[in-house]
Amino acid sequence: MSQLLAIDGGEKSVKRNFPWPIFDEQEVQAVSEIIASGKWGNPDCGDEVEKFEKEFAAFSGSKYAVSCVNGSVSLRLALIACGVKPGDEVIVPPYTFIATASTVIECNCVPVFVDIHPDTYNLDHTKIEAAITSRTRAIIPVHFGGLACDMDAILDIAKRHNLRVIEDAAHAHGAEYKGKKLGSIGDAGSFSFQSSKNLTAGEGGIVVTDDDDLYAMVNSLRNVGRVEGGQWYDHYNPGCNYRITQMQAVLLSHQLKRLQTQTEKRNENGLYLNQLLKNIEGILPLTRSDEITMHCYHIYIFKYDASKFGNTPKDKFVEMLAAEGVPCFKGYLHPLYKQPLFQNKNFMCYAIPETVDYRAVICPVAEAACNTNAVWILQNGMLGEREDMDGFLNAVLKIQRAVAE
């Protein structure tokens, strides 16, 4: 007979908490010093922003990094800098945060949804070319959960069709593909520093690139259209004030010092958890190829088969798993094209052609991930110890035994 489940009043399988964010007196002191200085703004009140941008560029293996207020804005700035025009099409996956597609709309462009691969939940590169038209201008591959997309295949397609590649690396701080940091592989990479992210200051974003022209345009767009060497009240491009503060920058600089060690720990725990879970009937970790030289596990994802758990619905399984002390989530409720924004065509002033009908879009893998298959373990849990990974395994087995009775 199995133990009483925690959801029914039994003892938890995992008894510790997994705090996030992680900080100490160094961060508190650094931010306090900025506050005490009275030099809070950017770019006229200190150099902490420029310092962090240089640090992050070096960390990511990129020539340039331009910070901004959040990861949604960083995506939009990268798109505009890449030269998209109203009515252009941009290929995106449907299993991601809304900003990957809504920023395309904000650029007066048309998101074209291409399904995800069932083994990785990343953009399925084998389906991209069928979606390319004469209006396609860019691809936004999302390194979902910190798992690298097949960048060689995507870049090959982009080269043959003269398309820009903007990596959505909002989940991918420190992760690598063939030894190269994610975000630094395409034309530009976009990161988020929102509260849940592996590198955070509560909010913030950044664009990285090696392209001199892209850098100059992104830098201008985030600074009200100003250009380097220009006058303060000279505005050359249709930008806005998307600058971060000195307090955010100094906090990010200190958090960046922790990132490599944290990434290595998440990677190690992910490899170990893969070994623990792969032999459980009804649980299948996502595929990690040899090209993934570092996975930052912003989300550890496994596929759940309810038929092996007494036909327990995914929502109920996740509720039971969370009660056992595993920091987990059921993931997205719908693929992006099923959001009211797309179903109701709430595009307002944006130039989306009337012929575009997202109600006709069907991406079966993404729909299965949302409805029945995908279970997420959150990144703070992946910073636990090996015994915590054992606890995650025990929680799954405990639930499986209980529902089988």
Protein backbone atom coordinates (compact mmCIF):
# COMPACT_ATOMS: atom_id res chain seq x y z
CA MET A 1 0.00 0.00 0.00
CA SER A 2 1.35 3.44 -0.90
CA GLN A 3 1.91 6.26 1.53
CA LEU A 4 -0.82 8.84 2.01
CA LEU A 5 -0.38 11.60 -0.53
CA ALA A 6 0.52 15.05 0.78
CA ILE A 7 -2.57 16.49 -0.92
CA ASP A 8 -4.61 14.18 1.32
CA GLY A 9 -2.73 15.11 4.49
CA GLY A 10 0.31 12.86 4.19
CA GLU A 11 3.96 13.81 4.59
CA LYS A 12 5.63 15.68 1.72
CA SER A 13 8.23 13.93 -0.41
CA VAL A 14 10.29 17.14 -0.60
CA LYS A 15 10.48 19.10 2.64
CA ARG A 16 12.65 22.10 1.76
CA ASN A 17 11.78 25.34 0.04
CA PHE A 18 13.55 26.68 -3.05
CA PRO A 19 13.88 30.47 -2.64
CA TRP A 20 14.21 32.85 -5.56
CA PRO A 21 15.84 35.26 -6.15
CA ILE A 22 19.08 34.41 -4.38
CA PHE A 23 21.02 37.37 -3.00
CA ASP A 24 23.07 38.51 -0.04
CA GLU A 25 24.42 41.66 1.55
CA GLN A 26 26.55 42.40 -1.52
CA GLU A 27 23.48 43.13 -3.63
CA VAL A 28 21.84 45.09 -0.83
CA GLN A 29 24.94 47.22 -0.29
CA ALA A 30 25.50 47.82 -4.02
CA VAL A 31 21.95 49.06 -4.57
CA SER A 32 22.08 51.10 -1.35
CA GLU A 33 25.18 52.88 -2.58
CA ILE A 34 23.45 53.84 -5.81
CA ILE A 35 20.47 55.16 -3.87
CA ALA A 36 22.70 57.13 -1.51
CA SER A 37 24.58 58.64 -4.44
CA GLY A 38 21.41 60.16 -5.88
CA LYS A 39 22.62 59.12 -9.35
CA TRP A 40 19.80 56.81 -10.31
CA GLY A 41 19.17 57.48 -14.00
CA ASN A 42 20.76 56.55 -17.28
CA PRO A 43 22.68 57.67 -19.27
CA ASP A 44 23.50 60.90 -17.43
CA CYS A 45 23.97 59.63 -13.88
CA GLY A 46 26.75 57.06 -13.83
CA ASP A 47 28.24 54.14 -15.71
CA GLU A 48 26.73 51.02 -14.08
CA VAL A 49 24.52 50.39 -17.13
CA GLU A 50 27.42 50.50 -19.58
CA LYS A 51 29.47 48.35 -17.20
CA PHE A 52 26.77 45.66 -17.04
CA GLU A 53 26.25 45.73 -20.81
CA LYS A 54 29.94 45.06 -21.38
CA GLU A 55 29.92 42.27 -18.78
CA PHE A 56 26.89 40.60 -20.33
CA ALA A 57 28.27 40.92 -23.86
CA ALA A 58 31.45 39.19 -22.71
CA PHE A 59 29.49 36.51 -20.87
CA SER A 60 27.30 35.79 -23.89
CA GLY A 61 30.20 35.80 -26.35
CA SER A 62 28.81 38.78 -28.27
CA LYS A 63 30.40 41.99 -29.47
CA TYR A 64 27.59 44.22 -28.20
CA ALA A 65 24.81 44.21 -25.61
CA VAL A 66 22.11 46.89 -25.31
CA SER A 67 19.91 46.84 -22.22
CA CYS A 68 16.29 47.95 -22.08
CA VAL A 69 13.24 47.87 -19.83
CA ASN A 70 12.13 44.26 -20.44
CA GLY A 71 12.47 41.22 -22.66
CA SER A 72 9.38 42.07 -24.71
CA VAL A 73 10.87 45.42 -25.70
CA SER A 74 14.22 43.79 -26.46
CA LEU A 75 12.50 41.48 -28.97
CA ARG A 76 10.68 44.38 -30.60
CA LEU A 77 13.83 46.50 -30.84
CA ALA A 78 15.70 43.60 -32.44
CA LEU A 79 12.92 43.09 -34.99
CA ILE A 80 12.78 46.76 -35.95
CA ALA A 81 16.56 46.94 -36.19
CA CYS A 82 16.50 43.92 -38.50
CA GLY A 83 14.49 46.00 -40.97
CA VAL A 84 11.03 44.42 -40.94
CA LYS A 85 8.29 46.44 -42.64
CA PRO A 86 4.48 46.50 -42.21
CA GLY A 87 2.92 43.32 -43.56
CA ASP A 88 6.14 41.28 -43.40
CA GLU A 89 5.80 37.77 -41.96
CA VAL A 90 7.81 36.44 -39.05
CA ILE A 91 7.92 32.74 -38.18
CA VAL A 92 7.38 31.97 -34.49
CA PRO A 93 6.50 28.91 -32.40
CA PRO A 94 3.07 28.74 -30.71
CA TYR A 95 4.38 27.27 -27.44
CA THR A 96 6.00 30.29 -25.78
CA PHE A 97 5.15 33.47 -23.89
CA ILE A 98 2.83 35.87 -25.72
CA ALA A 99 5.58 38.46 -26.30
CA THR A 100 7.29 36.29 -28.94
CA ALA A 101 4.27 36.88 -31.18
CA SER A 102 2.73 40.09 -29.83
CA THR A 103 5.94 42.02 -30.44
CA VAL A 104 5.70 40.97 -34.08
CA ILE A 105 2.24 42.56 -34.20
CA GLU A 106 3.61 45.70 -32.52
CA CYS A 107 6.05 45.94 -35.43
CA ASN A 108 3.05 45.83 -37.80
CA CYS A 109 4.15 42.40 -38.98
CA VAL A 110 2.33 39.07 -39.20
CA PRO A 111 3.21 36.18 -36.85
CA VAL A 112 3.22 32.85 -38.70
CA PHE A 113 2.96 29.93 -36.31
CA VAL A 114 5.02 26.81 -36.96
CA ASP A 115 4.52 23.83 -34.63
CA ILE A 116 7.05 22.62 -32.10
CA HIS A 117 8.97 19.34 -32.23
CA PRO A 118 7.47 16.61 -30.01
CA ASP A 119 10.86 15.63 -28.60
CA THR A 120 12.09 19.10 -27.64
CA TYR A 121 9.11 21.52 -27.63
CA ASN A 122 11.28 23.90 -29.65
CA LEU A 123 10.42 25.24 -33.10
CA ASP A 124 10.34 22.26 -35.49
CA HIS A 125 12.89 23.19 -38.13
CA THR A 126 11.56 20.50 -40.48
CA LYS A 127 8.30 22.49 -40.81
CA ILE A 128 9.75 25.96 -41.29
CA GLU A 129 10.25 25.97 -45.06
CA ALA A 130 6.64 25.02 -45.75
CA ALA A 131 5.62 28.22 -43.95
CA ILE A 132 7.96 30.54 -45.85
CA THR A 133 6.37 32.90 -48.41
CA SER A 134 7.59 35.85 -50.43
CA ARG A 135 6.68 38.05 -47.45
CA THR A 136 8.71 36.15 -44.82
CA ARG A 137 11.52 38.24 -43.37
CA ALA A 138 12.60 36.65 -40.09
CA ILE A 139 12.51 33.60 -37.83
CA ILE A 140 12.32 33.82 -34.04
CA PRO A 141 13.45 30.49 -32.58
CA VAL A 142 12.70 30.24 -28.85
CA HIS A 143 15.16 28.24 -26.75
CA PHE A 144 12.30 27.03 -24.64
CA GLY A 145 13.08 26.26 -21.02
CA GLY A 146 16.77 26.84 -21.82
CA LEU A 147 17.02 23.96 -24.30
CA ALA A 148 18.81 25.05 -27.47
CA CYS A 149 17.01 24.91 -30.79
CA ASP A 150 18.69 23.19 -33.74
CA MET A 151 20.49 26.37 -34.73
CA ASP A 152 22.51 24.82 -37.56
CA ALA A 153 19.34 23.77 -39.36
CA ILE A 154 17.58 27.09 -38.69
CA LEU A 155 20.53 29.17 -39.84
CA ASP A 156 20.83 27.08 -42.99
CA ILE A 157 17.18 27.72 -43.84
CA ALA A 158 17.58 31.41 -43.08
CA LYS A 159 20.64 31.71 -45.29
CA ARG A 160 18.95 30.01 -48.23
CA HIS A 161 15.90 32.27 -47.97
CA ASN A 162 17.68 35.48 -46.94
CA LEU A 163 15.94 35.69 -43.56
CA ARG A 164 17.01 37.25 -40.29
CA VAL A 165 17.26 35.07 -37.18
CA ILE A 166 16.44 36.62 -33.80
CA GLU A 167 16.97 34.20 -30.92
CA ASP A 168 14.39 34.49 -28.15
CA ALA A 169 16.70 33.57 -25.29
CA ALA A 170 14.45 34.78 -22.47
CA HIS A 171 14.82 31.33 -20.86
CA ALA A 172 18.39 30.68 -21.95
CA HIS A 173 20.87 32.69 -19.87
CA GLY A 174 24.15 30.74 -19.87
CA ALA A 175 22.92 27.83 -21.99
CA GLU A 176 25.03 26.64 -24.91
CA TYR A 177 24.76 24.99 -28.32
CA LYS A 178 27.98 23.31 -29.47
CA GLY A 179 29.89 25.34 -26.91
CA LYS A 180 28.47 28.68 -28.05
CA LYS A 181 26.23 30.71 -25.78
CA LEU A 182 22.60 30.94 -26.85
CA GLY A 183 21.63 34.39 -28.06
CA SER A 184 24.99 34.89 -29.76
CA ILE A 185 24.36 32.56 -32.72
CA GLY A 186 21.77 34.36 -34.87
CA ASP A 187 21.69 37.96 -36.07
CA ALA A 188 20.57 39.06 -32.62
CA GLY A 189 19.58 37.54 -29.30
CA SER A 190 16.96 38.79 -26.84
CA PHE A 191 17.00 38.13 -23.09
CA SER A 192 14.63 38.92 -20.23
CA PHE A 193 15.52 39.80 -16.64
CA GLN A 194 11.96 39.48 -15.31
CA SER A 195 11.47 38.15 -11.77
CA SER A 196 11.32 34.44 -12.61
CA LYS A 197 14.30 34.43 -14.96
CA ASN A 198 17.66 32.78 -14.25
CA LEU A 199 19.24 36.26 -14.23
CA THR A 200 16.94 38.87 -12.75
CA ALA A 201 16.62 42.40 -11.46
CA GLY A 202 12.82 42.15 -11.19
CA GLU A 203 12.49 43.51 -14.73
CA GLY A 204 14.76 44.33 -17.65
CA GLY A 205 15.89 43.02 -21.00
CA ILE A 206 18.88 43.07 -23.32
CA VAL A 207 19.75 42.58 -26.99
CA VAL A 208 23.08 41.04 -27.98
CA THR A 209 24.60 41.09 -31.45
CA ASP A 210 27.87 41.09 -33.37
CA ASP A 211 26.44 43.27 -36.14
CA ASP A 212 27.62 46.90 -36.02
CA ASP A 213 24.54 48.26 -37.80
CA LEU A 214 22.08 46.28 -35.66
CA TYR A 215 23.83 47.50 -32.52
CA ALA A 216 23.69 51.13 -33.64
CA MET A 217 19.98 50.92 -34.45
CA VAL A 218 18.97 49.06 -31.26
CA ASN A 219 21.02 51.50 -29.20
CA SER A 220 19.28 54.44 -30.90
CA LEU A 221 15.78 52.98 -30.61
CA ARG A 222 16.08 52.36 -26.86
CA ASN A 223 17.37 55.95 -26.33
CA VAL A 224 14.63 58.05 -27.97
CA GLY A 225 16.21 57.83 -31.42
CA ARG A 226 19.48 59.47 -30.42
CA VAL A 227 22.73 58.36 -32.05
CA GLU A 228 26.21 58.07 -30.65
CA GLY A 229 28.04 61.37 -31.05
CA GLY A 230 24.80 63.30 -31.58
CA GLN A 231 23.31 66.09 -29.48
CA TRP A 232 20.93 65.33 -26.58
CA TYR A 233 17.95 66.86 -28.36
CA ASP A 234 18.74 65.43 -31.78
CA HIS A 235 16.54 62.43 -32.61
CA TYR A 236 17.24 60.42 -35.75
CA ASN A 237 15.04 57.33 -35.36
CA PRO A 238 11.52 56.62 -34.03
CA GLY A 239 12.63 55.30 -30.66
CA CYS A 240 11.47 55.80 -27.11
CA ASN A 241 13.01 55.87 -23.64
CA TYR A 242 13.51 52.19 -22.91
CA ARG A 243 16.60 52.65 -20.69
CA ILE A 244 17.11 50.78 -17.43
CA THR A 245 18.26 52.45 -14.20
CA GLN A 246 21.60 52.38 -12.42
CA MET A 247 19.98 50.34 -9.62
CA GLN A 248 18.85 47.61 -12.02
CA ALA A 249 22.25 47.52 -13.68
CA VAL A 250 24.28 47.18 -10.50
CA LEU A 251 21.93 44.46 -9.26
CA LEU A 252 22.31 42.58 -12.55
CA SER A 253 26.10 42.89 -12.39
CA HIS A 254 26.13 41.22 -8.99
CA GLN A 255 23.62 38.57 -10.03
CA LEU A 256 25.71 37.84 -13.14
CA LYS A 257 28.60 36.80 -10.87
CA ARG A 258 26.42 33.92 -9.64
CA LEU A 259 25.04 32.86 -13.01
CA GLN A 260 27.72 30.47 -14.29
CA THR A 261 27.83 28.46 -11.07
CA GLN A 262 24.03 28.36 -10.91
CA THR A 263 23.82 27.30 -14.56
CA GLU A 264 26.27 24.47 -14.03
CA LYS A 265 24.26 23.26 -11.04
CA ARG A 266 20.98 23.32 -12.95
CA ASN A 267 22.65 21.49 -15.81
CA GLU A 268 24.05 18.81 -13.50
CA ASN A 269 20.72 18.36 -11.73
CA GLY A 270 18.90 18.16 -15.07
CA LEU A 271 21.17 15.39 -16.32
CA TYR A 272 20.70 13.49 -13.07
CA LEU A 273 16.92 13.96 -13.07
CA ASN A 274 16.77 12.70 -16.67
CA GLN A 275 18.37 9.47 -15.50
CA LEU A 276 15.96 9.17 -12.57
CA LEU A 277 12.77 9.79 -14.53
CA LYS A 278 13.44 8.14 -17.88
CA ASN A 279 12.52 4.64 -16.69
CA ILE A 280 9.18 5.60 -15.13
CA GLU A 281 6.33 4.44 -17.30
CA GLY A 282 4.28 7.48 -18.30
CA ILE A 283 7.09 10.02 -17.74
CA LEU A 284 9.34 11.09 -20.62
CA PRO A 285 11.95 13.87 -20.24
CA LEU A 286 12.46 16.03 -23.32
CA THR A 287 15.26 14.94 -25.63
CA ARG A 288 18.64 16.53 -25.08
CA SER A 289 21.05 15.99 -27.97
CA ASP A 290 24.85 15.94 -27.77
CA GLU A 291 24.83 19.41 -29.36
CA ILE A 292 23.44 20.78 -26.08
CA THR A 293 26.71 21.46 -24.29
CA MET A 294 24.97 23.41 -21.49
CA HIS A 295 21.28 23.44 -20.56
CA CYS A 296 20.28 26.12 -18.06
CA TYR A 297 16.93 24.46 -17.19
CA HIS A 298 14.90 27.61 -16.71
CA ILE A 299 12.18 24.98 -16.95
CA TYR A 300 12.73 21.24 -16.64
CA ILE A 301 10.00 19.68 -18.79
CA PHE A 302 8.78 16.13 -18.97
CA LYS A 303 5.91 14.65 -20.96
CA TYR A 304 3.14 13.10 -18.89
CA ASP A 305 0.99 10.15 -20.00
CA ALA A 306 -2.18 10.06 -17.91
CA SER A 307 -2.95 6.49 -18.98
CA LYS A 308 0.00 5.30 -16.87
CA PHE A 309 -1.30 7.21 -13.84
CA GLY A 310 -4.81 5.84 -13.58
CA ASN A 311 -6.05 8.35 -16.19
CA THR A 312 -5.41 11.18 -13.73
CA PRO A 313 -5.74 14.46 -15.68
CA LYS A 314 -2.58 16.52 -16.01
CA ASP A 315 -3.98 19.39 -13.93
CA LYS A 316 -4.72 17.03 -11.03
CA PHE A 317 -1.32 15.32 -11.35
CA VAL A 318 0.46 18.69 -11.16
CA GLU A 319 -1.64 19.68 -8.15
CA MET A 320 -0.60 16.46 -6.39
CA LEU A 321 3.03 16.90 -7.40
CA ALA A 322 3.10 20.46 -6.04
CA ALA A 323 1.57 19.29 -2.78
CA GLU A 324 4.48 16.83 -2.46
CA GLY A 325 6.84 19.83 -2.41
CA VAL A 326 7.98 19.84 -6.05
CA PRO A 327 8.06 23.41 -7.47
CA CYS A 328 6.07 22.64 -10.62
CA PHE A 329 3.50 24.07 -12.99
CA LYS A 330 1.15 22.78 -15.68
CA GLY A 331 2.43 25.26 -18.26
CA TYR A 332 0.46 27.19 -20.84
CA LEU A 333 -3.29 26.68 -21.14
CA HIS A 334 -3.36 27.27 -24.91
CA PRO A 335 -1.02 27.72 -27.86
CA LEU A 336 -0.60 31.41 -28.68
CA TYR A 337 -2.91 31.37 -31.71
CA LYS A 338 -5.78 30.38 -29.40
CA GLN A 339 -5.33 33.47 -27.25
CA PRO A 340 -8.17 36.02 -27.55
CA LEU A 341 -5.74 38.45 -29.18
CA PHE A 342 -5.51 36.17 -32.22
CA GLN A 343 -8.90 34.49 -32.16
CA ASN A 344 -10.76 37.83 -31.96
CA LYS A 345 -8.30 39.76 -34.16
CA ASN A 346 -7.83 42.42 -31.51
CA PHE A 347 -5.09 44.05 -33.55
CA MET A 348 -6.45 47.62 -33.30
CA CYS A 349 -4.24 49.94 -35.37
CA TYR A 350 -1.80 47.28 -36.49
CA ALA A 351 -1.45 46.35 -40.16
CA ILE A 352 -2.51 42.69 -40.06
CA PRO A 353 -4.17 41.73 -43.36
CA GLU A 354 -7.87 40.88 -43.16
CA THR A 355 -7.13 37.57 -44.89
CA VAL A 356 -5.14 36.33 -41.90
CA ASP A 357 -7.34 33.97 -39.86
CA TYR A 358 -5.72 32.46 -36.79
CA ARG A 359 -8.87 30.45 -36.03
CA ALA A 360 -7.77 28.10 -38.81
CA VAL A 361 -4.32 27.45 -37.32
CA ILE A 362 -3.71 23.99 -35.87
CA CYS A 363 -0.42 22.95 -34.30
CA PRO A 364 -1.09 19.47 -32.87
CA VAL A 365 2.12 19.09 -30.86
CA ALA A 366 1.71 22.44 -29.14
CA GLU A 367 -1.93 21.69 -28.38
CA ALA A 368 -1.04 18.33 -26.85
CA ALA A 369 1.68 19.97 -24.76
CA CYS A 370 -0.82 22.48 -23.39
CA ASN A 371 -3.73 20.13 -22.89
CA THR A 372 -2.32 16.83 -21.74
CA ASN A 373 1.43 16.34 -21.91
CA ALA A 374 3.78 19.04 -20.60
CA VAL A 375 4.71 19.30 -16.92
CA TRP A 376 7.20 21.93 -15.79
CA ILE A 377 9.61 21.90 -12.86
CA LEU A 378 10.73 25.47 -12.21
CA GLN A 379 14.29 26.76 -12.28
CA ASN A 380 14.56 27.47 -8.55
CA GLY A 381 13.88 23.80 -7.91
CA MET A 382 16.71 22.89 -10.26
CA LEU A 383 19.10 24.67 -7.87
CA GLY A 384 18.40 22.03 -5.22
CA GLU A 385 20.76 19.30 -4.10
CA ARG A 386 20.95 15.77 -5.50
CA GLU A 387 18.75 14.51 -2.68
CA ASP A 388 16.08 16.98 -3.81
CA MET A 389 16.15 15.42 -7.28
CA ASP A 390 15.69 12.07 -5.53
CA GLY A 391 12.74 13.66 -3.75
CA PHE A 392 11.22 14.73 -7.08
CA LEU A 393 11.51 11.12 -8.27
CA ASN A 394 9.96 9.79 -5.05
CA ALA A 395 7.05 12.22 -5.40
CA VAL A 396 6.24 10.98 -8.91
CA LEU A 397 6.49 7.33 -7.86
CA LYS A 398 4.38 7.97 -4.76
CA ILE A 399 1.62 9.50 -6.89
CA GLN A 400 1.81 6.68 -9.44
CA ARG A 401 1.41 4.06 -6.73
CA ALA A 402 -1.46 5.93 -5.12
CA VAL A 403 -3.52 6.42 -8.28
CA ALA A 404 -2.99 2.79 -9.29
CA GLU A 405 -4.73 1.49 -6.16
